[in-house]
Amino acid sequence: MPIAHRHYQNHLLESLPVSEYNRFESELELVQMRLGDVLYESGCTLNFAYFPTTSIISILYVLEDGASAEIAIVGNEGLLGISLFMGGETTPSRAVVQSAGWGYRLKANIIKDEFRRGGPLMHLLLLYTQALITQMTQTAVCNRHHSIEQQLCRWLLLSLDRLSSDSLTMTQDLIANMLGVRREGVTEAAGKLQAAGYIRYARGHITVLDRPGLELRVCECYSVVKLEFDRLLTKIPPGDPWHLLGYALQH
């Protein structure tokens, strides 16, 4: 295995006690995730859960006419496939790789068996699911009430939180598809951010030059989502999800 890829690059896997992790470590498969790869299709049976390490996955809802909008993103803070342990075998959404990289996948039957055991892994997955639901809810509110520029700022900041660099590879067409808006709206919003010196955009590459500037420009939806993930997931010392559970119950 390349030294650059380790399970602890994913926060959920990192947070598990060694005894819990060792039980299914041999079943984790390192996989490359290429930009645009479809990991789940709407209505199809889920065969794997994915734990991204250096990639980002976009969860999209697709309408009958082919139009789509992003409802959440998943990166190294969590996993893709909550339907598996929440009682479903399928999902109405599509999962597409938004930022290329790597991750681990685990067979559906294994993560379901581990969840049914109870204990640290079950509670950690439930806390993550709560945080993901918050992101989905806030995304719906943001798409309805805030400008395309604010939505773009939120999308950029959430993506950066899940990457180790300040650059993303993403065309304006793909961004428009993620946000569920017209390409012209994204072009105008990106142009304003570039003119203000917050980003540099060229040939499908976006580099954030002034993150504090984006944070001043973004709507409150970004901080709501970030604070919820911080509250539930980043207060935990590695290997001690019971501490995290106690923290969540006290707050």
C-alpha atoms as a PDB file:
ATOM      1  CA  MET A   1       0.000   0.000   0.000  1.00  0.00           C
ATOM      2  CA  PRO A   2       1.405   3.446  -0.881  1.00  0.00           C
ATOM      3  CA  ILE A   3       2.629   5.205   2.250  1.00  0.00           C
ATOM      4  CA  ALA A   4       0.547   8.271   1.347  1.00  0.00           C
ATOM      5  CA  HIS A   5      -2.682   6.357   1.977  1.00  0.00           C
ATOM      6  CA  ARG A   6      -3.651   5.336   5.500  1.00  0.00           C
ATOM      7  CA  HIS A   7      -6.987   4.753   7.194  1.00  0.00           C
ATOM      8  CA  TYR A   8      -6.403   7.573   9.694  1.00  0.00           C
ATOM      9  CA  GLN A   9      -6.781  10.094   6.868  1.00  0.00           C
ATOM     10  CA  ASN A  10     -10.515   9.479   7.334  1.00  0.00           C
ATOM     11  CA  HIS A  11     -11.801  10.957  10.589  1.00  0.00           C
ATOM     12  CA  LEU A  12     -14.330   8.223  11.365  1.00  0.00           C
ATOM     13  CA  LEU A  13     -11.821   5.417  10.891  1.00  0.00           C
ATOM     14  CA  GLU A  14      -9.232   7.360  12.865  1.00  0.00           C
ATOM     15  CA  SER A  15     -11.645   7.766  15.782  1.00  0.00           C
ATOM     16  CA  LEU A  16     -12.332   4.071  16.271  1.00  0.00           C
ATOM     17  CA  PRO A  17     -10.668   2.146  19.109  1.00  0.00           C
ATOM     18  CA  VAL A  18      -8.004  -0.201  17.795  1.00  0.00           C
ATOM     19  CA  SER A  19     -10.024  -3.267  18.811  1.00  0.00           C
ATOM     20  CA  GLU A  20     -13.013  -2.062  16.791  1.00  0.00           C
ATOM     21  CA  TYR A  21     -10.972  -1.112  13.739  1.00  0.00           C
ATOM     22  CA  ASN A  22      -8.959  -4.339  13.724  1.00  0.00           C
ATOM     23  CA  ARG A  23     -12.120  -6.391  13.417  1.00  0.00           C
ATOM     24  CA  PHE A  24     -12.737  -5.266   9.822  1.00  0.00           C
ATOM     25  CA  GLU A  25      -9.394  -3.756   8.809  1.00  0.00           C
ATOM     26  CA  SER A  26      -8.627  -6.595   6.391  1.00  0.00           C
ATOM     27  CA  GLU A  27     -11.928  -5.934   4.586  1.00  0.00           C
ATOM     28  CA  LEU A  28     -11.157  -2.273   3.820  1.00  0.00           C
ATOM     29  CA  GLU A  29     -10.217  -1.831   0.168  1.00  0.00           C
ATOM     30  CA  LEU A  30      -8.220   1.192  -0.975  1.00  0.00           C
ATOM     31  CA  VAL A  31      -9.834   2.582  -4.151  1.00  0.00           C
ATOM     32  CA  GLN A  32      -9.032   5.441  -6.480  1.00  0.00           C
ATOM     33  CA  MET A  33     -11.912   7.844  -7.064  1.00  0.00           C
ATOM     34  CA  ARG A  34     -11.728   9.696 -10.375  1.00  0.00           C
ATOM     35  CA  LEU A  35     -13.515  12.960 -11.085  1.00  0.00           C
ATOM     36  CA  GLY A  36     -17.036  12.209 -12.303  1.00  0.00           C
ATOM     37  CA  ASP A  37     -17.118   8.561 -11.169  1.00  0.00           C
ATOM     38  CA  VAL A  38     -20.653   7.547 -10.165  1.00  0.00           C
ATOM     39  CA  LEU A  39     -20.487   5.516  -6.937  1.00  0.00           C
ATOM     40  CA  TYR A  40     -24.246   5.225  -6.381  1.00  0.00           C
ATOM     41  CA  GLU A  41     -27.113   5.603  -8.824  1.00  0.00           C
ATOM     42  CA  SER A  42     -30.633   6.497  -7.760  1.00  0.00           C
ATOM     43  CA  GLY A  43     -32.699   3.423  -6.917  1.00  0.00           C
ATOM     44  CA  CYS A  44     -29.819   0.959  -7.204  1.00  0.00           C
ATOM     45  CA  THR A  45     -28.799  -1.412  -4.439  1.00  0.00           C
ATOM     46  CA  LEU A  46     -25.852  -0.171  -2.394  1.00  0.00           C
ATOM     47  CA  ASN A  47     -23.007  -2.679  -2.372  1.00  0.00           C
ATOM     48  CA  PHE A  48     -20.376  -0.660  -0.497  1.00  0.00           C
ATOM     49  CA  ALA A  49     -19.889   2.055   2.069  1.00  0.00           C
ATOM     50  CA  TYR A  50     -17.109   4.528   1.186  1.00  0.00           C
ATOM     51  CA  PHE A  51     -14.701   6.304   3.547  1.00  0.00           C
ATOM     52  CA  PRO A  52     -13.020   9.102   1.530  1.00  0.00           C
ATOM     53  CA  THR A  53      -9.495  10.149   2.475  1.00  0.00           C
ATOM     54  CA  THR A  54      -8.340  12.621  -0.195  1.00  0.00           C
ATOM     55  CA  SER A  55     -11.466  12.741  -2.388  1.00  0.00           C
ATOM     56  CA  ILE A  56     -14.820  14.484  -2.090  1.00  0.00           C
ATOM     57  CA  ILE A  57     -18.139  12.921  -3.074  1.00  0.00           C
ATOM     58  CA  SER A  58     -21.210  14.913  -4.052  1.00  0.00           C
ATOM     59  CA  ILE A  59     -24.664  13.557  -3.191  1.00  0.00           C
ATOM     60  CA  LEU A  60     -27.157  14.743  -5.812  1.00  0.00           C
ATOM     61  CA  TYR A  61     -30.898  14.497  -6.213  1.00  0.00           C
ATOM     62  CA  VAL A  62     -31.794  13.981  -9.860  1.00  0.00           C
ATOM     63  CA  LEU A  63     -35.188  14.918 -11.283  1.00  0.00           C
ATOM     64  CA  GLU A  64     -37.052  13.047 -14.024  1.00  0.00           C
ATOM     65  CA  ASP A  65     -35.975  15.620 -16.625  1.00  0.00           C
ATOM     66  CA  GLY A  66     -32.308  15.079 -15.753  1.00  0.00           C
ATOM     67  CA  ALA A  67     -31.857  18.281 -13.759  1.00  0.00           C
ATOM     68  CA  SER A  68     -30.018  17.836 -10.482  1.00  0.00           C
ATOM     69  CA  ALA A  69     -28.950  19.649  -7.333  1.00  0.00           C
ATOM     70  CA  GLU A  70     -26.442  18.801  -4.656  1.00  0.00           C
ATOM     71  CA  ILE A  71     -27.865  17.997  -1.232  1.00  0.00           C
ATOM     72  CA  ALA A  72     -24.598  17.226   0.601  1.00  0.00           C
ATOM     73  CA  ILE A  73     -20.899  16.527   0.191  1.00  0.00           C
ATOM     74  CA  VAL A  74     -18.847  13.835   1.899  1.00  0.00           C
ATOM     75  CA  GLY A  75     -15.095  13.968   2.412  1.00  0.00           C
ATOM     76  CA  ASN A  76     -12.532  12.824   4.919  1.00  0.00           C
ATOM     77  CA  GLU A  77     -14.841  13.740   7.794  1.00  0.00           C
ATOM     78  CA  GLY A  78     -17.252  10.894   7.163  1.00  0.00           C
ATOM     79  CA  LEU A  79     -18.623   8.186   4.939  1.00  0.00           C
ATOM     80  CA  LEU A  80     -20.955   7.600   2.025  1.00  0.00           C
ATOM     81  CA  GLY A  81     -23.676   5.000   2.533  1.00  0.00           C
ATOM     82  CA  ILE A  82     -25.688   5.823   5.662  1.00  0.00           C
ATOM     83  CA  SER A  83     -28.719   4.115   4.076  1.00  0.00           C
ATOM     84  CA  LEU A  84     -27.009   0.757   4.669  1.00  0.00           C
ATOM     85  CA  PHE A  85     -27.111   0.956   8.450  1.00  0.00           C
ATOM     86  CA  MET A  86     -30.243   3.112   8.719  1.00  0.00           C
ATOM     87  CA  GLY A  87     -32.419   0.332   7.344  1.00  0.00           C
ATOM     88  CA  GLY A  88     -32.399   0.844   3.580  1.00  0.00           C
ATOM     89  CA  GLU A  89     -30.751  -1.026   0.744  1.00  0.00           C
ATOM     90  CA  THR A  90     -31.175   1.743  -1.833  1.00  0.00           C
ATOM     91  CA  THR A  91     -31.105   5.533  -1.979  1.00  0.00           C
ATOM     92  CA  PRO A  92     -33.050   8.025  -4.154  1.00  0.00           C
ATOM     93  CA  SER A  93     -29.902  10.094  -4.708  1.00  0.00           C
ATOM     94  CA  ARG A  94     -26.850   9.806  -6.942  1.00  0.00           C
ATOM     95  CA  ALA A  95     -23.284   9.913  -5.584  1.00  0.00           C
ATOM     96  CA  VAL A  96     -20.616  11.381  -7.873  1.00  0.00           C
ATOM     97  CA  VAL A  97     -16.935  12.066  -7.224  1.00  0.00           C
ATOM     98  CA  GLN A  98     -16.614  15.844  -7.067  1.00  0.00           C
ATOM     99  CA  SER A  99     -12.888  16.020  -6.316  1.00  0.00           C
ATOM    100  CA  ALA A 100     -10.627  13.187  -7.420  1.00  0.00           C
ATOM    101  CA  GLY A 101      -8.580  11.295  -4.860  1.00  0.00           C
ATOM    102  CA  TRP A 102      -8.623   8.127  -2.798  1.00  0.00           C
ATOM    103  CA  GLY A 103     -10.702   6.399  -0.193  1.00  0.00           C
ATOM    104  CA  TYR A 104     -11.588   3.052   1.326  1.00  0.00           C
ATOM    105  CA  ARG A 105     -14.652   0.986   0.690  1.00  0.00           C
ATOM    106  CA  LEU A 106     -16.276  -1.663   2.847  1.00  0.00           C
ATOM    107  CA  LYS A 107     -18.778  -4.265   1.703  1.00  0.00           C
ATOM    108  CA  ALA A 108     -22.381  -3.525   2.623  1.00  0.00           C
ATOM    109  CA  ASN A 109     -22.922  -6.682   4.658  1.00  0.00           C
ATOM    110  CA  ILE A 110     -19.834  -5.980   6.788  1.00  0.00           C
ATOM    111  CA  ILE A 111     -20.766  -2.440   7.799  1.00  0.00           C
ATOM    112  CA  LYS A 112     -24.313  -3.597   8.563  1.00  0.00           C
ATOM    113  CA  ASP A 113     -23.004  -6.424  10.759  1.00  0.00           C
ATOM    114  CA  GLU A 114     -20.636  -4.063  12.549  1.00  0.00           C
ATOM    115  CA  PHE A 115     -23.432  -1.550  13.139  1.00  0.00           C
ATOM    116  CA  ARG A 116     -25.691  -4.247  14.589  1.00  0.00           C
ATOM    117  CA  ARG A 117     -22.992  -5.109  17.125  1.00  0.00           C
ATOM    118  CA  GLY A 118     -23.637  -1.777  18.812  1.00  0.00           C
ATOM    119  CA  GLY A 119     -20.887  -0.098  20.761  1.00  0.00           C
ATOM    120  CA  PRO A 120     -18.462   2.641  19.632  1.00  0.00           C
ATOM    121  CA  LEU A 121     -18.863   2.223  15.860  1.00  0.00           C
ATOM    122  CA  MET A 122     -22.649   2.355  15.982  1.00  0.00           C
ATOM    123  CA  HIS A 123     -22.680   5.510  18.103  1.00  0.00           C
ATOM    124  CA  LEU A 124     -20.032   7.186  15.966  1.00  0.00           C
ATOM    125  CA  LEU A 125     -22.016   6.480  12.778  1.00  0.00           C
ATOM    126  CA  LEU A 126     -25.207   7.817  14.334  1.00  0.00           C
ATOM    127  CA  LEU A 127     -23.500  11.037  15.372  1.00  0.00           C
ATOM    128  CA  TYR A 128     -22.100  11.447  11.869  1.00  0.00           C
ATOM    129  CA  THR A 129     -25.565  10.838  10.399  1.00  0.00           C
ATOM    130  CA  GLN A 130     -26.961  13.622  12.593  1.00  0.00           C
ATOM    131  CA  ALA A 131     -24.303  16.018  11.309  1.00  0.00           C
ATOM    132  CA  LEU A 132     -24.956  14.969   7.686  1.00  0.00           C
ATOM    133  CA  ILE A 133     -28.694  15.573   8.089  1.00  0.00           C
ATOM    134  CA  THR A 134     -27.881  19.075   9.333  1.00  0.00           C
ATOM    135  CA  GLN A 135     -25.834  19.692   6.180  1.00  0.00           C
ATOM    136  CA  MET A 136     -28.672  18.460   3.962  1.00  0.00           C
ATOM    137  CA  THR A 137     -31.232  20.623   5.758  1.00  0.00           C
ATOM    138  CA  GLN A 138     -29.078  23.735   5.613  1.00  0.00           C
ATOM    139  CA  THR A 139     -28.313  23.170   1.932  1.00  0.00           C
ATOM    140  CA  ALA A 140     -32.034  23.156   1.158  1.00  0.00           C
ATOM    141  CA  VAL A 141     -32.506  26.426   3.063  1.00  0.00           C
ATOM    142  CA  CYS A 142     -29.482  28.013   1.387  1.00  0.00           C
ATOM    143  CA  ASN A 143     -30.607  27.065  -2.118  1.00  0.00           C
ATOM    144  CA  ARG A 144     -33.999  28.646  -1.470  1.00  0.00           C
ATOM    145  CA  HIS A 145     -33.048  31.870   0.318  1.00  0.00           C
ATOM    146  CA  HIS A 146     -29.501  32.905  -0.553  1.00  0.00           C
ATOM    147  CA  SER A 147     -27.787  34.288  -3.641  1.00  0.00           C
ATOM    148  CA  ILE A 148     -25.765  32.183  -6.062  1.00  0.00           C
ATOM    149  CA  GLU A 149     -22.644  34.020  -4.907  1.00  0.00           C
ATOM    150  CA  GLN A 150     -23.322  33.042  -1.295  1.00  0.00           C
ATOM    151  CA  GLN A 151     -24.066  29.462  -2.317  1.00  0.00           C
ATOM    152  CA  LEU A 152     -20.794  29.326  -4.260  1.00  0.00           C
ATOM    153  CA  CYS A 153     -18.881  30.628  -1.237  1.00  0.00           C
ATOM    154  CA  ARG A 154     -20.518  27.979   0.963  1.00  0.00           C
ATOM    155  CA  TRP A 155     -19.702  25.256  -1.543  1.00  0.00           C
ATOM    156  CA  LEU A 156     -16.070  26.362  -1.855  1.00  0.00           C
ATOM    157  CA  LEU A 157     -15.517  26.576   1.906  1.00  0.00           C
ATOM    158  CA  LEU A 158     -17.120  23.207   2.627  1.00  0.00           C
ATOM    159  CA  SER A 159     -14.972  21.657  -0.086  1.00  0.00           C
ATOM    160  CA  LEU A 160     -11.777  23.239   1.245  1.00  0.00           C
ATOM    161  CA  ASP A 161     -12.551  21.905   4.723  1.00  0.00           C
ATOM    162  CA  ARG A 162     -12.271  18.403   3.245  1.00  0.00           C
ATOM    163  CA  LEU A 163      -9.077  18.942   1.226  1.00  0.00           C
ATOM    164  CA  SER A 164      -5.421  19.481   2.078  1.00  0.00           C
ATOM    165  CA  SER A 165      -4.935  22.226  -0.529  1.00  0.00           C
ATOM    166  CA  ASP A 166      -6.534  25.511  -1.575  1.00  0.00           C
ATOM    167  CA  SER A 167      -7.227  24.360  -5.143  1.00  0.00           C
ATOM    168  CA  LEU A 168     -10.083  22.465  -6.759  1.00  0.00           C
ATOM    169  CA  THR A 169     -10.539  21.066 -10.242  1.00  0.00           C
ATOM    170  CA  MET A 170     -14.081  21.929 -11.251  1.00  0.00           C
ATOM    171  CA  THR A 171     -15.691  23.474 -14.334  1.00  0.00           C
ATOM    172  CA  GLN A 172     -18.440  26.063 -14.102  1.00  0.00           C
ATOM    173  CA  ASP A 173     -20.820  23.608 -15.762  1.00  0.00           C
ATOM    174  CA  LEU A 174     -20.220  21.096 -12.991  1.00  0.00           C
ATOM    175  CA  ILE A 175     -20.615  23.743 -10.292  1.00  0.00           C
ATOM    176  CA  ALA A 176     -23.900  24.848 -11.848  1.00  0.00           C
ATOM    177  CA  ASN A 177     -25.031  21.229 -11.852  1.00  0.00           C
ATOM    178  CA  MET A 178     -24.090  20.863  -8.187  1.00  0.00           C
ATOM    179  CA  LEU A 179     -25.908  24.024  -7.140  1.00  0.00           C
ATOM    180  CA  GLY A 180     -28.877  23.432  -9.409  1.00  0.00           C
ATOM    181  CA  VAL A 181     -28.576  26.836 -11.102  1.00  0.00           C
ATOM    182  CA  ARG A 182     -27.822  28.133 -14.589  1.00  0.00           C
ATOM    183  CA  ARG A 183     -24.203  28.270 -15.742  1.00  0.00           C
ATOM    184  CA  GLU A 184     -24.500  31.997 -16.391  1.00  0.00           C
ATOM    185  CA  GLY A 185     -25.265  32.541 -12.710  1.00  0.00           C
ATOM    186  CA  VAL A 186     -22.122  30.675 -11.665  1.00  0.00           C
ATOM    187  CA  THR A 187     -20.033  32.593 -14.214  1.00  0.00           C
ATOM    188  CA  GLU A 188     -21.249  35.915 -12.807  1.00  0.00           C
ATOM    189  CA  ALA A 189     -20.738  34.865  -9.186  1.00  0.00           C
ATOM    190  CA  ALA A 190     -17.256  33.453  -9.843  1.00  0.00           C
ATOM    191  CA  GLY A 191     -16.355  36.623 -11.748  1.00  0.00           C
ATOM    192  CA  LYS A 192     -17.272  38.788  -8.754  1.00  0.00           C
ATOM    193  CA  LEU A 193     -15.223  36.653  -6.377  1.00  0.00           C
ATOM    194  CA  GLN A 194     -12.256  36.736  -8.742  1.00  0.00           C
ATOM    195  CA  ALA A 195     -12.501  40.489  -9.223  1.00  0.00           C
ATOM    196  CA  ALA A 196     -12.499  40.915  -5.434  1.00  0.00           C
ATOM    197  CA  GLY A 197      -9.310  38.840  -5.220  1.00  0.00           C
ATOM    198  CA  TYR A 198     -10.854  35.947  -3.307  1.00  0.00           C
ATOM    199  CA  ILE A 199     -10.317  33.259  -5.957  1.00  0.00           C
ATOM    200  CA  ARG A 200      -8.477  32.629  -9.200  1.00  0.00           C
ATOM    201  CA  TYR A 201     -10.357  30.646 -11.828  1.00  0.00           C
ATOM    202  CA  ALA A 202      -8.820  29.344 -15.043  1.00  0.00           C
ATOM    203  CA  ARG A 203      -9.523  26.329 -17.254  1.00  0.00           C
ATOM    204  CA  GLY A 204     -11.477  24.353 -14.717  1.00  0.00           C
ATOM    205  CA  HIS A 205      -9.138  25.076 -11.801  1.00  0.00           C
ATOM    206  CA  ILE A 206     -10.244  27.160  -8.837  1.00  0.00           C
ATOM    207  CA  THR A 207      -7.655  28.416  -6.351  1.00  0.00           C
ATOM    208  CA  VAL A 208      -8.809  30.180  -3.196  1.00  0.00           C
ATOM    209  CA  LEU A 209      -6.528  33.166  -2.586  1.00  0.00           C
ATOM    210  CA  ASP A 210      -8.324  34.762   0.359  1.00  0.00           C
ATOM    211  CA  ARG A 211     -10.240  32.340   2.557  1.00  0.00           C
ATOM    212  CA  PRO A 212     -11.057  34.958   5.256  1.00  0.00           C
ATOM    213  CA  GLY A 213     -12.603  37.051   2.492  1.00  0.00           C
ATOM    214  CA  LEU A 214     -14.852  34.160   1.458  1.00  0.00           C
ATOM    215  CA  GLU A 215     -15.840  33.622   5.080  1.00  0.00           C
ATOM    216  CA  LEU A 216     -16.946  37.245   5.300  1.00  0.00           C
ATOM    217  CA  ARG A 217     -18.912  36.935   2.060  1.00  0.00           C
ATOM    218  CA  VAL A 218     -20.647  33.617   2.783  1.00  0.00           C
ATOM    219  CA  CYS A 219     -24.105  33.280   4.335  1.00  0.00           C
ATOM    220  CA  GLU A 220     -24.669  31.793   7.807  1.00  0.00           C
ATOM    221  CA  CYS A 221     -25.358  28.349   6.323  1.00  0.00           C
ATOM    222  CA  TYR A 222     -21.647  27.537   6.182  1.00  0.00           C
ATOM    223  CA  SER A 223     -21.060  28.218   9.869  1.00  0.00           C
ATOM    224  CA  VAL A 224     -24.176  26.286  10.894  1.00  0.00           C
ATOM    225  CA  VAL A 225     -22.915  23.165   9.104  1.00  0.00           C
ATOM    226  CA  LYS A 226     -19.307  23.568  10.221  1.00  0.00           C
ATOM    227  CA  LEU A 227     -20.223  24.117  13.863  1.00  0.00           C
ATOM    228  CA  GLU A 228     -22.430  21.028  13.886  1.00  0.00           C
ATOM    229  CA  PHE A 229     -19.672  18.845  12.460  1.00  0.00           C
ATOM    230  CA  ASP A 230     -17.205  20.356  14.925  1.00  0.00           C
ATOM    231  CA  ARG A 231     -19.607  19.788  17.810  1.00  0.00           C
ATOM    232  CA  LEU A 232     -20.227  16.162  16.980  1.00  0.00           C
ATOM    233  CA  LEU A 233     -17.049  14.967  15.332  1.00  0.00           C
ATOM    234  CA  THR A 234     -13.922  17.010  16.052  1.00  0.00           C
ATOM    235  CA  LYS A 235     -14.011  17.145  19.850  1.00  0.00           C
ATOM    236  CA  ILE A 236     -13.074  13.481  20.047  1.00  0.00           C
ATOM    237  CA  PRO A 237      -9.557  12.271  20.843  1.00  0.00           C
ATOM    238  CA  PRO A 238      -8.470   9.618  18.320  1.00  0.00           C
ATOM    239  CA  GLY A 239      -9.691   6.180  19.349  1.00  0.00           C
ATOM    240  CA  ASP A 240     -12.240   7.355  21.928  1.00  0.00           C
ATOM    241  CA  PRO A 241     -15.757   7.678  20.436  1.00  0.00           C
ATOM    242  CA  TRP A 242     -17.291   7.187  23.886  1.00  0.00           C
ATOM    243  CA  HIS A 243     -15.861  10.573  24.857  1.00  0.00           C
ATOM    244  CA  LEU A 244     -17.518  12.032  21.745  1.00  0.00           C
ATOM    245  CA  LEU A 245     -20.871  10.493  22.669  1.00  0.00           C
ATOM    246  CA  GLY A 246     -20.683  11.999  26.137  1.00  0.00           C
ATOM    247  CA  TYR A 247     -19.804  15.409  24.692  1.00  0.00           C
ATOM    248  CA  ALA A 248     -22.750  15.313  22.279  1.00  0.00           C
ATOM    249  CA  LEU A 249     -25.216  14.317  24.994  1.00  0.00           C
ATOM    250  CA  GLN A 250     -24.035  17.137  27.248  1.00  0.00           C
ATOM    251  CA  HIS A 251     -24.477  19.780  24.543  1.00  0.00           C
END
